[in-house]
């Protein structure tokens, strides 16, 4: 109804807004997942928790983001099973660029099914599907805050 009323009153022009980058002091979390629904959902969840987010749908894009914005990425949420570049290679590339970046694995696999080489290079694990409170706890642990129960 609002669109119809806007058109009737002559306000039917479309405005294009440029994206505004989040404030520089917000912790930024890079979400790496090959499922679009996960990227969108988790990005919105992080926004509600007060974090800035970036997304990558494959390992190559993730590594490119890290090279370009390495000082802005504070935490990475990495899907374990990614097509193309293996998770362990993504982790090694990110840690080589900025060793203090925290990397949390995310997977529907049980933690016991994930290769030890991947687990030993990660800072945490978040099993899929996860709730807002589980995501919040992981980010709080990452940023050295007190985790909520």
Protein backbone atom coordinates (compact mmCIF):
# COMPACT_ATOMS: atom_id res chain seq x y z
CA UNK A 1 0.00 0.00 0.00
CA UNK A 2 2.82 2.42 0.87
CA UNK A 3 4.38 1.97 -2.58
CA UNK A 4 1.07 2.69 -4.28
CA UNK A 5 0.56 5.84 -2.18
CA UNK A 6 4.11 6.98 -2.94
CA UNK A 7 3.54 6.55 -6.65
CA UNK A 8 0.22 8.39 -6.53
CA UNK A 9 1.81 11.35 -4.76
CA UNK A 10 4.67 11.52 -7.26
CA UNK A 11 7.29 10.06 -4.92
CA UNK A 12 8.02 7.03 -7.05
CA UNK A 13 11.70 7.68 -7.68
CA UNK A 14 14.16 5.11 -6.51
CA UNK A 15 17.08 6.29 -4.41
CA UNK A 16 20.39 4.48 -4.51
CA UNK A 17 22.30 4.49 -1.27
CA UNK A 18 25.97 3.74 -1.02
CA UNK A 19 27.02 1.24 1.58
CA UNK A 20 28.50 2.80 4.66
CA UNK A 21 31.37 0.91 6.23
CA UNK A 22 30.91 0.09 9.91
CA UNK A 23 32.77 2.21 12.45
CA UNK A 24 36.46 1.34 12.59
CA UNK A 25 36.33 0.27 16.24
CA UNK A 26 33.75 -2.52 15.83
CA UNK A 27 35.29 -6.00 15.88
CA UNK A 28 35.00 -7.49 12.40
CA UNK A 29 34.23 -11.15 11.79
CA UNK A 30 34.82 -12.85 8.44
CA UNK A 31 32.28 -15.60 7.74
CA UNK A 32 33.53 -18.24 5.29
CA UNK A 33 30.83 -20.65 4.13
CA UNK A 34 29.70 -22.06 0.79
CA UNK A 35 26.00 -21.80 1.72
CA UNK A 36 24.43 -18.40 0.99
CA UNK A 37 21.73 -18.88 3.62
CA UNK A 38 24.40 -19.36 6.29
CA UNK A 39 26.32 -16.26 5.15
CA UNK A 40 23.21 -14.08 5.25
CA UNK A 41 21.82 -15.48 8.51
CA UNK A 42 25.08 -15.40 10.46
CA UNK A 43 25.89 -11.92 9.16
CA UNK A 44 22.54 -10.67 10.48
CA UNK A 45 23.08 -12.45 13.80
CA UNK A 46 26.49 -10.82 14.21
CA UNK A 47 25.05 -7.43 13.37
CA UNK A 48 22.46 -7.87 16.13
CA UNK A 49 25.28 -8.78 18.52
CA UNK A 50 27.11 -5.56 17.65
CA UNK A 51 29.80 -6.84 15.32
CA UNK A 52 30.71 -5.90 11.78
CA UNK A 53 30.93 -8.81 9.34
CA UNK A 54 32.36 -9.70 5.97
CA UNK A 55 31.45 -12.79 3.96
CA UNK A 56 33.27 -15.14 1.60
CA UNK A 57 31.68 -18.06 -0.24
CA UNK A 58 34.98 -19.83 -1.00
CA UNK A 59 38.55 -20.08 0.22
CA UNK A 60 40.10 -17.94 -2.50
CA UNK A 61 37.74 -15.04 -1.77
CA UNK A 62 38.40 -15.42 1.96
CA UNK A 63 42.17 -15.27 1.49
CA UNK A 64 41.78 -12.23 -0.80
CA UNK A 65 39.66 -10.47 1.86
CA UNK A 66 42.31 -11.22 4.47
CA UNK A 67 45.10 -9.85 2.29
CA UNK A 68 43.16 -6.68 1.55
CA UNK A 69 41.71 -6.07 5.02
CA UNK A 70 44.05 -8.03 7.27
CA UNK A 71 44.15 -5.38 9.99
CA UNK A 72 40.34 -5.19 10.08
CA UNK A 73 39.53 -8.88 10.51
CA UNK A 74 39.54 -9.87 14.17
CA UNK A 75 37.86 -13.26 13.96
CA UNK A 76 37.07 -15.81 11.27
CA UNK A 77 34.15 -18.22 11.36
CA UNK A 78 35.18 -20.97 8.91
CA UNK A 79 33.03 -23.79 7.57
CA UNK A 80 35.18 -26.92 7.73
CA UNK A 81 33.99 -28.45 4.45
CA UNK A 82 34.69 -25.89 1.75
CA UNK A 83 34.95 -26.59 -1.98
CA UNK A 84 38.26 -25.74 -3.63
CA UNK A 85 40.83 -24.59 -1.09
CA UNK A 86 41.06 -26.89 1.95
CA UNK A 87 40.21 -25.44 5.35
CA UNK A 88 43.71 -26.07 6.69
CA UNK A 89 45.20 -24.03 3.83
CA UNK A 90 42.75 -21.18 4.49
CA UNK A 91 43.73 -21.21 8.18
CA UNK A 92 47.47 -21.24 7.39
CA UNK A 93 47.12 -18.34 4.93
CA UNK A 94 45.13 -16.24 7.40
CA UNK A 95 47.52 -16.98 10.29
CA UNK A 96 50.52 -16.15 8.06
CA UNK A 97 49.02 -12.73 7.30
CA UNK A 98 47.91 -11.95 10.85
CA UNK A 99 48.74 -14.58 13.49
CA UNK A 100 46.53 -13.00 16.18
CA UNK A 101 43.36 -13.49 14.11
CA UNK A 102 41.10 -15.93 15.95
CA UNK A 103 39.68 -18.73 13.81
CA UNK A 104 36.61 -20.66 14.91
CA UNK A 105 35.55 -23.70 12.92
CA UNK A 106 31.91 -24.23 12.08
CA UNK A 107 30.49 -27.53 10.91
CA UNK A 108 27.56 -29.91 11.06
CA UNK A 109 30.17 -32.64 11.55
CA UNK A 110 30.86 -33.80 15.06
CA UNK A 111 34.13 -32.39 16.33
CA UNK A 112 35.57 -35.94 16.47
CA UNK A 113 35.10 -36.25 12.68
CA UNK A 114 37.29 -33.24 11.88
CA UNK A 115 40.94 -33.77 10.99
CA UNK A 116 43.35 -33.12 13.86
CA UNK A 117 45.48 -30.91 11.58
CA UNK A 118 42.52 -28.55 11.13
CA UNK A 119 41.51 -28.59 14.81
CA UNK A 120 44.99 -27.87 16.15
CA UNK A 121 45.26 -24.71 14.04
CA UNK A 122 41.86 -23.35 15.08
CA UNK A 123 40.98 -21.37 18.20
CA UNK A 124 37.51 -22.82 18.71
CA UNK A 125 34.64 -24.86 17.31
CA UNK A 126 30.97 -24.03 16.80
CA UNK A 127 28.71 -26.92 15.79
CA UNK A 128 25.96 -26.29 13.23
CA UNK A 129 23.21 -25.42 13.64
CA UNK A 130 23.96 -22.96 16.41
CA UNK A 131 21.86 -20.47 18.30
CA UNK A 132 22.36 -16.76 18.84
CA UNK A 133 23.60 -17.43 22.39
CA UNK A 134 26.13 -20.02 21.17
CA UNK A 135 27.42 -17.56 18.58
CA UNK A 136 27.57 -14.83 21.23
CA UNK A 137 29.53 -17.11 23.58
CA UNK A 138 32.04 -17.92 20.84
CA UNK A 139 32.58 -14.27 19.99
CA UNK A 140 32.89 -13.35 23.66
CA UNK A 141 35.46 -16.10 24.20
CA UNK A 142 37.32 -14.89 21.13
CA UNK A 143 37.42 -11.31 22.35
CA UNK A 144 38.38 -12.34 25.92
CA UNK A 145 35.07 -11.42 27.47
CA UNK A 146 33.10 -13.50 29.93
CA UNK A 147 31.00 -16.12 28.12
CA UNK A 148 27.31 -16.20 28.95
CA UNK A 149 25.53 -19.43 29.82
